[in-house]
PDB file of N, CA and C in Angstrom:
ATOM      1  N   UNK A   1     194.932-170.707  60.745  1.00  0.00           N
ATOM      2  CA  UNK A   1     194.639-169.695  59.674  1.00  0.00           C
ATOM      3  C   UNK A   1     193.419-168.885  59.916  1.00  0.00           C
ATOM      4  N   UNK A   2     192.776-169.148  61.076  1.00  0.00           N
ATOM      5  CA  UNK A   2     191.489-168.423  61.273  1.00  0.00           C
ATOM      6  C   UNK A   2     191.851-166.877  61.636  1.00  0.00           C
ATOM      7  N   UNK A   3     192.938-166.649  62.366  1.00  0.00           N
ATOM      8  CA  UNK A   3     193.174-165.256  62.768  1.00  0.00           C
ATOM      9  C   UNK A   3     193.540-164.399  61.579  1.00  0.00           C
ATOM     10  N   UNK A   4     194.281-164.733  60.576  1.00  0.00           N
ATOM     11  CA  UNK A   4     194.549-163.899  59.482  1.00  0.00           C
ATOM     12  C   UNK A   4     193.321-163.635  58.667  1.00  0.00           C
ATOM     13  N   UNK A   5     192.455-164.641  58.463  1.00  0.00           N
ATOM     14  CA  UNK A   5     191.197-164.440  57.802  1.00  0.00           C
ATOM     15  C   UNK A   5     190.253-163.478  58.590  1.00  0.00           C
ATOM     16  N   UNK A   6     190.169-163.651  59.922  1.00  0.00           N
ATOM     17  CA  UNK A   6     189.422-162.839  60.686  1.00  0.00           C
ATOM     18  C   UNK A   6     189.843-161.338  60.614  1.00  0.00           C
ATOM     19  N   UNK A   7     191.183-161.156  60.716  1.00  0.00           N
ATOM     20  CA  UNK A   7     191.691-159.882  60.586  1.00  0.00           C
ATOM     21  C   UNK A   7     191.538-159.200  59.165  1.00  0.00           C
ATOM     22  N   UNK A   8     191.722-159.826  58.175  1.00  0.00           N
ATOM     23  CA  UNK A   8     191.497-159.323  56.822  1.00  0.00           C
ATOM     24  C   UNK A   8     190.008-158.907  56.693  1.00  0.00           C
ATOM     25  N   UNK A   9     189.120-159.777  57.138  1.00  0.00           N
ATOM     26  CA  UNK A   9     187.660-159.472  57.005  1.00  0.00           C
ATOM     27  C   UNK A   9     187.286-158.351  57.841  1.00  0.00           C
ATOM     28  N   UNK A  10     187.821-158.206  59.101  1.00  0.00           N
ATOM     29  CA  UNK A  10     187.459-157.135  59.902  1.00  0.00           C
ATOM     30  C   UNK A  10     187.979-155.789  59.292  1.00  0.00           C
ATOM     31  N   UNK A  11     189.215-155.824  58.773  1.00  0.00           N
ATOM     32  CA  UNK A  11     189.753-154.672  58.228  1.00  0.00           C
ATOM     33  C   UNK A  11     189.050-154.226  56.945  1.00  0.00           C
ATOM     34  N   UNK A  12     188.417-155.168  56.329  1.00  0.00           N
ATOM     35  CA  UNK A  12     187.511-154.784  55.132  1.00  0.00           C
ATOM     36  C   UNK A  12     186.089-154.338  55.560  1.00  0.00           C
ATOM     37  N   UNK A  13     185.874-154.312  56.894  1.00  0.00           N
ATOM     38  CA  UNK A  13     184.526-153.887  57.293  1.00  0.00           C
ATOM     39  C   UNK A  13     183.482-154.974  57.393  1.00  0.00           C
ATOM     40  N   UNK A  14     183.940-156.195  57.401  1.00  0.00           N
ATOM     41  CA  UNK A  14     182.929-157.305  57.439  1.00  0.00           C
ATOM     42  C   UNK A  14     183.216-157.941  58.737  1.00  0.00           C
ATOM     43  N   UNK A  15     182.146-158.563  59.338  1.00  0.00           N
ATOM     44  CA  UNK A  15     182.339-159.391  60.626  1.00  0.00           C
ATOM     45  C   UNK A  15     183.155-160.573  60.379  1.00  0.00           C
ATOM     46  N   UNK A  16     184.440-160.506  60.935  1.00  0.00           N
ATOM     47  CA  UNK A  16     185.408-161.567  60.811  1.00  0.00           C
ATOM     48  C   UNK A  16     184.938-162.819  61.202  1.00  0.00           C
ATOM     49  N   UNK A  17     184.187-162.990  62.331  1.00  0.00           N
ATOM     50  CA  UNK A  17     183.771-164.362  62.801  1.00  0.00           C
ATOM     51  C   UNK A  17     182.713-165.014  61.838  1.00  0.00           C
ATOM     52  N   UNK A  18     182.068-164.130  61.168  1.00  0.00           N
ATOM     53  CA  UNK A  18     181.009-164.822  60.197  1.00  0.00           C
ATOM     54  C   UNK A  18     181.755-165.284  58.976  1.00  0.00           C
ATOM     55  N   UNK A  19     182.768-164.611  58.440  1.00  0.00           N
ATOM     56  CA  UNK A  19     183.643-165.084  57.380  1.00  0.00           C
ATOM     57  C   UNK A  19     184.290-166.337  57.766  1.00  0.00           C
ATOM     58  N   UNK A  20     184.939-166.347  58.902  1.00  0.00           N
ATOM     59  CA  UNK A  20     185.693-167.602  59.308  1.00  0.00           C
ATOM     60  C   UNK A  20     184.729-168.712  59.515  1.00  0.00           C
ATOM     61  N   UNK A  21     183.490-168.544  60.085  1.00  0.00           N
ATOM     62  CA  UNK A  21     182.507-169.617  60.222  1.00  0.00           C
ATOM     63  C   UNK A  21     182.098-170.132  58.896  1.00  0.00           C
ATOM     64  N   UNK A  22     181.827-169.333  57.952  1.00  0.00           N
ATOM     65  CA  UNK A  22     181.392-169.781  56.676  1.00  0.00           C
ATOM     66  C   UNK A  22     182.508-170.539  55.946  1.00  0.00           C
ATOM     67  N   UNK A  23     183.717-170.172  56.066  1.00  0.00           N
ATOM     68  CA  UNK A  23     184.802-170.966  55.453  1.00  0.00           C
ATOM     69  C   UNK A  23     185.051-172.266  56.144  1.00  0.00           C
ATOM     70  N   UNK A  24     184.827-172.328  57.436  1.00  0.00           N
ATOM     71  CA  UNK A  24     185.009-173.561  58.113  1.00  0.00           C
ATOM     72  C   UNK A  24     183.930-174.613  57.785  1.00  0.00           C
ATOM     73  N   UNK A  25     182.757-174.049  57.419  1.00  0.00           N
ATOM     74  CA  UNK A  25     181.619-175.000  56.985  1.00  0.00           C
ATOM     75  C   UNK A  25     181.924-175.662  55.629  1.00  0.00           C
ATOM     76  N   UNK A  26     182.828-175.095  54.760  1.00  0.00           N
ATOM     77  CA  UNK A  26     183.089-175.641  53.461  1.00  0.00           C
ATOM     78  C   UNK A  26     184.054-176.690  53.490  1.00  0.00           C
ATOM     79  N   UNK A  27     183.982-177.693  52.476  1.00  0.00           N
ATOM     80  CA  UNK A  27     184.819-178.708  52.328  1.00  0.00           C
ATOM     81  C   UNK A  27     186.121-178.330  51.447  1.00  0.00           C
ATOM     82  N   UNK A  28     185.904-177.277  50.734  1.00  0.00           N
ATOM     83  CA  UNK A  28     186.899-176.824  49.680  1.00  0.00           C
ATOM     84  C   UNK A  28     188.090-175.997  50.393  1.00  0.00           C
ATOM     85  N   UNK A  29     189.295-176.560  50.433  1.00  0.00           N
ATOM     86  CA  UNK A  29     190.343-175.937  51.062  1.00  0.00           C
ATOM     87  C   UNK A  29     190.889-174.776  50.293  1.00  0.00           C
ATOM     88  N   UNK A  30     190.484-174.655  49.008  1.00  0.00           N
ATOM     89  CA  UNK A  30     190.924-173.528  48.238  1.00  0.00           C
ATOM     90  C   UNK A  30     189.977-172.306  48.266  1.00  0.00           C
ATOM     91  N   UNK A  31     188.860-172.491  48.951  1.00  0.00           N
ATOM     92  CA  UNK A  31     187.867-171.393  49.106  1.00  0.00           C
ATOM     93  C   UNK A  31     188.349-170.394  50.123  1.00  0.00           C
ATOM     94  N   UNK A  32     188.188-169.146  49.822  1.00  0.00           N
ATOM     95  CA  UNK A  32     188.638-168.076  50.702  1.00  0.00           C
ATOM     96  C   UNK A  32     187.762-166.848  50.470  1.00  0.00           C
ATOM     97  N   UNK A  33     188.094-165.875  51.282  1.00  0.00           N
ATOM     98  CA  UNK A  33     187.332-164.560  51.134  1.00  0.00           C
ATOM     99  C   UNK A  33     188.134-163.507  50.517  1.00  0.00           C
ATOM    100  N   UNK A  34     187.607-163.032  49.376  1.00  0.00           N
ATOM    101  CA  UNK A  34     188.302-161.953  48.576  1.00  0.00           C
ATOM    102  C   UNK A  34     187.716-160.625  49.184  1.00  0.00           C
ATOM    103  N   UNK A  35     188.545-159.953  50.016  1.00  0.00           N
ATOM    104  CA  UNK A  35     188.195-158.743  50.744  1.00  0.00           C
ATOM    105  C   UNK A  35     187.997-157.584  49.715  1.00  0.00           C
ATOM    106  N   UNK A  36     188.745-157.599  48.738  1.00  0.00           N
ATOM    107  CA  UNK A  36     188.601-156.493  47.698  1.00  0.00           C
ATOM    108  C   UNK A  36     187.210-156.484  46.958  1.00  0.00           C
ATOM    109  N   UNK A  37     186.759-157.702  46.728  1.00  0.00           N
ATOM    110  CA  UNK A  37     185.408-157.859  45.939  1.00  0.00           C
ATOM    111  C   UNK A  37     184.241-158.077  47.038  1.00  0.00           C
ATOM    112  N   UNK A  38     184.629-158.496  48.271  1.00  0.00           N
ATOM    113  CA  UNK A  38     183.611-158.863  49.159  1.00  0.00           C
ATOM    114  C   UNK A  38     182.908-160.130  48.859  1.00  0.00           C
ATOM    115  N   UNK A  39     183.565-161.141  48.369  1.00  0.00           N
ATOM    116  CA  UNK A  39     182.886-162.361  47.998  1.00  0.00           C
ATOM    117  C   UNK A  39     183.795-163.536  48.210  1.00  0.00           C
ATOM    118  N   UNK A  40     183.247-164.668  48.338  1.00  0.00           N
ATOM    119  CA  UNK A  40     184.007-166.008  48.601  1.00  0.00           C
ATOM    120  C   UNK A  40     184.405-166.521  47.134  1.00  0.00           C
ATOM    121  N   UNK A  41     185.671-166.803  47.039  1.00  0.00           N
ATOM    122  CA  UNK A  41     186.113-167.323  45.779  1.00  0.00           C
ATOM    123  C   UNK A  41     187.111-168.477  45.869  1.00  0.00           C
ATOM    124  N   UNK A  42     187.415-169.182  44.841  1.00  0.00           N
ATOM    125  CA  UNK A  42     188.448-170.096  44.737  1.00  0.00           C
ATOM    126  C   UNK A  42     189.813-169.298  44.696  1.00  0.00           C
ATOM    127  N   UNK A  43     190.597-169.280  45.747  1.00  0.00           N
ATOM    128  CA  UNK A  43     191.700-168.370  45.850  1.00  0.00           C
ATOM    129  C   UNK A  43     192.775-168.740  44.780  1.00  0.00           C
ATOM    130  N   UNK A  44     192.934-169.976  44.374  1.00  0.00           N
ATOM    131  CA  UNK A  44     193.974-170.312  43.359  1.00  0.00           C
ATOM    132  C   UNK A  44     193.450-169.838  42.013  1.00  0.00           C
ATOM    133  N   UNK A  45     192.201-170.141  41.659  1.00  0.00           N
ATOM    134  CA  UNK A  45     191.741-169.629  40.448  1.00  0.00           C
ATOM    135  C   UNK A  45     191.634-168.095  40.297  1.00  0.00           C
ATOM    136  N   UNK A  46     191.407-167.408  41.406  1.00  0.00           N
ATOM    137  CA  UNK A  46     191.412-165.998  41.429  1.00  0.00           C
ATOM    138  C   UNK A  46     192.802-165.344  41.530  1.00  0.00           C
ATOM    139  N   UNK A  47     193.842-166.225  41.683  1.00  0.00           N
ATOM    140  CA  UNK A  47     195.186-165.666  41.719  1.00  0.00           C
ATOM    141  C   UNK A  47     195.613-165.114  43.033  1.00  0.00           C
ATOM    142  N   UNK A  48     194.920-165.337  44.113  1.00  0.00           N
ATOM    143  CA  UNK A  48     195.175-164.930  45.389  1.00  0.00           C
ATOM    144  C   UNK A  48     196.032-165.992  46.170  1.00  0.00           C
ATOM    145  N   UNK A  49     197.181-166.037  45.945  1.00  0.00           N
ATOM    146  CA  UNK A  49     197.993-167.063  46.627  1.00  0.00           C
ATOM    147  C   UNK A  49     199.270-166.409  47.182  1.00  0.00           C
ATOM    148  N   UNK A  50     199.949-166.992  48.173  1.00  0.00           N
ATOM    149  CA  UNK A  50     201.100-166.581  48.733  1.00  0.00           C
ATOM    150  C   UNK A  50     202.276-167.461  48.289  1.00  0.00           C
ATOM    151  N   UNK A  51     203.432-166.990  47.869  1.00  0.00           N
ATOM    152  CA  UNK A  51     204.540-167.805  47.683  1.00  0.00           C
ATOM    153  C   UNK A  51     205.029-168.496  48.857  1.00  0.00           C
ATOM    154  N   UNK A  52     205.333-169.757  48.770  1.00  0.00           N
ATOM    155  CA  UNK A  52     205.698-170.671  49.849  1.00  0.00           C
ATOM    156  C   UNK A  52     206.921-170.103  50.601  1.00  0.00           C
ATOM    157  N   UNK A  53     207.843-169.520  49.850  1.00  0.00           N
ATOM    158  CA  UNK A  53     209.024-168.978  50.526  1.00  0.00           C
ATOM    159  C   UNK A  53     208.726-167.781  51.461  1.00  0.00           C
ATOM    160  N   UNK A  54     207.792-166.950  51.017  1.00  0.00           N
ATOM    161  CA  UNK A  54     207.422-165.873  51.845  1.00  0.00           C
ATOM    162  C   UNK A  54     206.784-166.300  53.119  1.00  0.00           C
ATOM    163  N   UNK A  55     205.876-167.312  53.110  1.00  0.00           N
ATOM    164  CA  UNK A  55     205.181-167.790  54.310  1.00  0.00           C
ATOM    165  C   UNK A  55     206.249-168.535  55.178  1.00  0.00           C
ATOM    166  N   UNK A  56     207.081-169.358  54.495  1.00  0.00           N
ATOM    167  CA  UNK A  56     208.184-170.024  55.332  1.00  0.00           C
ATOM    168  C   UNK A  56     209.061-169.014  56.042  1.00  0.00           C
ATOM    169  N   UNK A  57     209.540-168.062  55.348  1.00  0.00           N
ATOM    170  CA  UNK A  57     210.412-167.020  56.014  1.00  0.00           C
ATOM    171  C   UNK A  57     209.775-166.338  57.186  1.00  0.00           C
ATOM    172  N   UNK A  58     208.509-165.953  56.969  1.00  0.00           N
ATOM    173  CA  UNK A  58     207.817-165.272  58.055  1.00  0.00           C
ATOM    174  C   UNK A  58     207.580-166.175  59.242  1.00  0.00           C
ATOM    175  N   UNK A  59     207.315-167.369  59.071  1.00  0.00           N
ATOM    176  CA  UNK A  59     207.200-168.293  60.216  1.00  0.00           C
ATOM    177  C   UNK A  59     208.418-168.600  60.830  1.00  0.00           C
ATOM    178  N   UNK A  60     209.531-168.697  60.166  1.00  0.00           N
ATOM    179  CA  UNK A  60     210.879-168.969  60.720  1.00  0.00           C
ATOM    180  C   UNK A  60     211.204-167.863  61.556  1.00  0.00           C
ATOM    181  N   UNK A  61     210.983-166.608  60.990  1.00  0.00           N
ATOM    182  CA  UNK A  61     211.479-165.350  61.689  1.00  0.00           C
ATOM    183  C   UNK A  61     210.576-165.191  62.929  1.00  0.00           C
ATOM    184  N   UNK A  62     209.306-165.451  62.871  1.00  0.00           N
ATOM    185  CA  UNK A  62     208.480-165.294  63.994  1.00  0.00           C
ATOM    186  C   UNK A  62     208.817-166.306  65.158  1.00  0.00           C
ATOM    187  N   UNK A  63     209.106-167.622  64.694  1.00  0.00           N
ATOM    188  CA  UNK A  63     209.579-168.574  65.642  1.00  0.00           C
ATOM    189  C   UNK A  63     210.952-168.228  66.255  1.00  0.00           C
ATOM    190  N   UNK A  64     211.853-167.659  65.590  1.00  0.00           N
ATOM    191  CA  UNK A  64     213.090-167.251  66.087  1.00  0.00           C
ATOM    192  C   UNK A  64     212.935-166.154  67.167  1.00  0.00           C
ATOM    193  N   UNK A  65     212.131-165.133  66.802  1.00  0.00           N
ATOM    194  CA  UNK A  65     211.919-164.018  67.801  1.00  0.00           C
ATOM    195  C   UNK A  65     211.291-164.534  69.005  1.00  0.00           C
ATOM    196  N   UNK A  66     210.232-165.383  68.846  1.00  0.00           N
ATOM    197  CA  UNK A  66     209.488-165.886  70.027  1.00  0.00           C
ATOM    198  C   UNK A  66     210.312-166.792  70.872  1.00  0.00           C
ATOM    199  N   UNK A  67     211.287-167.568  70.362  1.00  0.00           N
ATOM    200  CA  UNK A  67     212.096-168.405  71.111  1.00  0.00           C
ATOM    201  C   UNK A  67     213.092-167.560  71.868  1.00  0.00           C
ATOM    202  N   UNK A  68     213.520-166.426  71.217  1.00  0.00           N
ATOM    203  CA  UNK A  68     214.530-165.543  71.841  1.00  0.00           C
ATOM    204  C   UNK A  68     213.792-164.836  73.021  1.00  0.00           C
ATOM    205  N   UNK A  69     212.520-164.382  72.830  1.00  0.00           N
ATOM    206  CA  UNK A  69     211.835-163.742  73.883  1.00  0.00           C
ATOM    207  C   UNK A  69     211.571-164.585  75.043  1.00  0.00           C
ATOM    208  N   UNK A  70     211.340-165.866  74.907  1.00  0.00           N
ATOM    209  CA  UNK A  70     211.077-166.841  75.944  1.00  0.00           C
ATOM    210  C   UNK A  70     212.326-167.217  76.754  1.00  0.00           C
ATOM    211  N   UNK A  71     213.436-167.142  76.145  1.00  0.00           N
ATOM    212  CA  UNK A  71     214.660-167.519  76.862  1.00  0.00           C
ATOM    213  C   UNK A  71     215.410-166.295  77.422  1.00  0.00           C
ATOM    214  N   UNK A  72     215.044-165.071  77.128  1.00  0.00           N
ATOM    215  CA  UNK A  72     215.562-163.857  77.653  1.00  0.00           C
ATOM    216  C   UNK A  72     214.879-163.451  78.818  1.00  0.00           C
ATOM    217  N   UNK A  73     215.622-163.008  79.883  1.00  0.00           N
ATOM    218  CA  UNK A  73     214.994-162.482  80.989  1.00  0.00           C
ATOM    219  C   UNK A  73     214.647-161.013  81.018  1.00  0.00           C
ATOM    220  N   UNK A  74     215.137-160.363  79.978  1.00  0.00           N
ATOM    221  CA  UNK A  74     214.902-158.894  79.919  1.00  0.00           C
ATOM    222  C   UNK A  74     214.757-158.486  78.358  1.00  0.00           C
ATOM    223  N   UNK A  75     213.958-157.520  78.146  1.00  0.00           N
ATOM    224  CA  UNK A  75     213.817-157.013  76.807  1.00  0.00           C
ATOM    225  C   UNK A  75     214.150-155.515  76.776  1.00  0.00           C
ATOM    226  N   UNK A  76     214.945-155.017  75.792  1.00  0.00           N
ATOM    227  CA  UNK A  76     215.257-153.655  75.703  1.00  0.00           C
ATOM    228  C   UNK A  76     214.394-153.062  74.600  1.00  0.00           C
ATOM    229  N   UNK A  77     213.566-152.058  74.974  1.00  0.00           N
ATOM    230  CA  UNK A  77     212.772-151.403  73.993  1.00  0.00           C
ATOM    231  C   UNK A  77     213.011-149.866  74.026  1.00  0.00           C
ATOM    232  N   UNK A  78     212.599-149.254  73.019  1.00  0.00           N
ATOM    233  CA  UNK A  78     212.794-147.766  72.930  1.00  0.00           C
ATOM    234  C   UNK A  78     211.485-147.117  73.463  1.00  0.00           C
ATOM    235  N   UNK A  79     211.727-146.332  74.411  1.00  0.00           N
ATOM    236  CA  UNK A  79     210.544-145.583  75.067  1.00  0.00           C
ATOM    237  C   UNK A  79     210.123-144.393  74.080  1.00  0.00           C
ATOM    238  N   UNK A  80     208.871-144.107  74.010  1.00  0.00           N
ATOM    239  CA  UNK A  80     208.338-143.048  73.178  1.00  0.00           C
ATOM    240  C   UNK A  80     208.919-141.739  73.753  1.00  0.00           C
ATOM    241  N   UNK A  81     209.325-140.901  72.844  1.00  0.00           N
ATOM    242  CA  UNK A  81     209.819-139.589  73.256  1.00  0.00           C
ATOM    243  C   UNK A  81     208.659-138.661  73.489  1.00  0.00           C
ATOM    244  N   UNK A  82     208.748-137.919  74.668  1.00  0.00           N
ATOM    245  CA  UNK A  82     207.752-136.802  74.864  1.00  0.00           C
ATOM    246  C   UNK A  82     208.227-135.645  74.133  1.00  0.00           C
ATOM    247  N   UNK A  83     207.295-135.114  73.272  1.00  0.00           N
ATOM    248  CA  UNK A  83     207.678-133.959  72.439  1.00  0.00           C
ATOM    249  C   UNK A  83     207.012-132.748  73.158  1.00  0.00           C
ATOM    250  N   UNK A  84     207.803-131.780  73.332  1.00  0.00           N
ATOM    251  CA  UNK A  84     207.465-130.463  73.931  1.00  0.00           C
ATOM    252  C   UNK A  84     206.494-129.793  73.008  1.00  0.00           C
ATOM    253  N   UNK A  85     205.502-129.081  73.569  1.00  0.00           N
ATOM    254  CA  UNK A  85     204.491-128.400  72.887  1.00  0.00           C
ATOM    255  C   UNK A  85     205.165-127.175  72.315  1.00  0.00           C
ATOM    256  N   UNK A  86     204.899-126.860  71.054  1.00  0.00           N
ATOM    257  CA  UNK A  86     205.433-125.622  70.413  1.00  0.00           C
ATOM    258  C   UNK A  86     204.740-124.415  70.982  1.00  0.00           C
ATOM    259  N   UNK A  87     205.582-123.381  71.198  1.00  0.00           N
ATOM    260  CA  UNK A  87     205.003-122.144  71.723  1.00  0.00           C
ATOM    261  C   UNK A  87     203.949-121.551  70.816  1.00  0.00           C
ATOM    262  N   UNK A  88     202.928-120.983  71.393  1.00  0.00           N
ATOM    263  CA  UNK A  88     201.861-120.467  70.588  1.00  0.00           C
ATOM    264  C   UNK A  88     202.279-119.066  69.963  1.00  0.00           C
ATOM    265  N   UNK A  89     201.375-118.577  69.151  1.00  0.00           N
ATOM    266  CA  UNK A  89     201.773-117.223  68.487  1.00  0.00           C
ATOM    267  C   UNK A  89     201.580-116.188  69.589  1.00  0.00           C
ATOM    268  N   UNK A  90     202.431-115.181  69.417  1.00  0.00           N
ATOM    269  CA  UNK A  90     202.447-114.094  70.447  1.00  0.00           C
ATOM    270  C   UNK A  90     201.256-113.256  70.283  1.00  0.00           C
ATOM    271  N   UNK A  91     200.784-112.619  71.309  1.00  0.00           N
ATOM    272  CA  UNK A  91     199.631-111.789  71.243  1.00  0.00           C
ATOM    273  C   UNK A  91     200.067-110.301  70.745  1.00  0.00           C
ATOM    274  N   UNK A  92     199.160-109.452  70.546  1.00  0.00           N
ATOM    275  CA  UNK A  92     199.422-108.091  70.133  1.00  0.00           C
ATOM    276  C   UNK A  92     199.932-107.344  71.418  1.00  0.00           C
ATOM    277  N   UNK A  93     200.531-106.204  71.116  1.00  0.00           N
ATOM    278  CA  UNK A  93     200.980-105.314  72.156  1.00  0.00           C
ATOM    279  C   UNK A  93     199.765-104.576  72.724  1.00  0.00           C
ATOM    280  N   UNK A  94     199.677-104.426  74.040  1.00  0.00           N
ATOM    281  CA  UNK A  94     198.672-103.767  74.677  1.00  0.00           C
ATOM    282  C   UNK A  94     198.585-102.264  74.307  1.00  0.00           C
ATOM    283  N   UNK A  95     197.375-101.738  74.168  1.00  0.00           N
ATOM    284  CA  UNK A  95     197.142-100.286  73.864  1.00  0.00           C
ATOM    285  C   UNK A  95     197.442 -99.858  72.463  1.00  0.00           C
ATOM    286  N   UNK A  96     197.676-100.833  71.581  1.00  0.00           N
ATOM    287  CA  UNK A  96     198.039-100.545  70.306  1.00  0.00           C
ATOM    288  C   UNK A  96     196.801-100.402  69.344  1.00  0.00           C
ATOM    289  N   UNK A  97     195.757-101.122  69.701  1.00  0.00           N
ATOM    290  CA  UNK A  97     194.623-101.138  68.919  1.00  0.00           C
ATOM    291  C   UNK A  97     194.788-101.916  67.606  1.00  0.00           C
ATOM    292  N   UNK A  98     193.665-102.189  66.885  1.00  0.00           N
ATOM    293  CA  UNK A  98     193.838-102.957  65.605  1.00  0.00           C
ATOM    294  C   UNK A  98     194.174-102.061  64.447  1.00  0.00           C
ATOM    295  N   UNK A  99     194.135-102.560  63.300  1.00  0.00           N
ATOM    296  CA  UNK A  99     194.331-101.722  62.040  1.00  0.00           C
ATOM    297  C   UNK A  99     192.997-101.007  61.841  1.00  0.00           C
ATOM    298  N   UNK A 100     193.189 -99.744  61.432  1.00  0.00           N
ATOM    299  CA  UNK A 100     192.084 -98.908  61.304  1.00  0.00           C
ATOM    300  C   UNK A 100     191.097 -99.412  60.220  1.00  0.00           C
ATOM    301  N   UNK A 101     189.785 -99.474  60.548  1.00  0.00           N
ATOM    302  CA  UNK A 101     188.764 -99.990  59.652  1.00  0.00           C
ATOM    303  C   UNK A 101     188.687-101.380  59.658  1.00  0.00           C
ATOM    304  N   UNK A 102     189.489-102.148  60.421  1.00  0.00           N
ATOM    305  CA  UNK A 102     189.525-103.534  60.350  1.00  0.00           C
ATOM    306  C   UNK A 102     188.880-104.254  61.602  1.00  0.00           C
ATOM    307  N   UNK A 103     188.353-103.401  62.569  1.00  0.00           N
ATOM    308  CA  UNK A 103     187.707-103.852  63.757  1.00  0.00           C
ATOM    309  C   UNK A 103     186.308-104.272  63.471  1.00  0.00           C
ATOM    310  N   UNK A 104     186.052-105.584  63.411  1.00  0.00           N
ATOM    311  CA  UNK A 104     184.705-105.923  63.145  1.00  0.00           C
ATOM    312  C   UNK A 104     184.036-106.447  64.401  1.00  0.00           C
TER     313      UNK A 104
END
């Protein structure tokens, strides 16, 4: 669980290693870092909890994909498409001059 905490803290502009270290020093398993408020709170009392089914589904899906990747000898991915540069605006015709009174 260290990596998600580290990532959330880093994305909030806080040093992730410091947040993880402080949480590991605590004996309270409900204690967590509320990135929106920038403080350590009891996650259950603050209402910051994940439904078990969501976590379970994410882990099962991740395990399924990783097992498929380890048993497959090749992976098919989509290569990024190179977009051609759009043509620039055309220049004025030579010898025509600008609009009268507009040459600054």
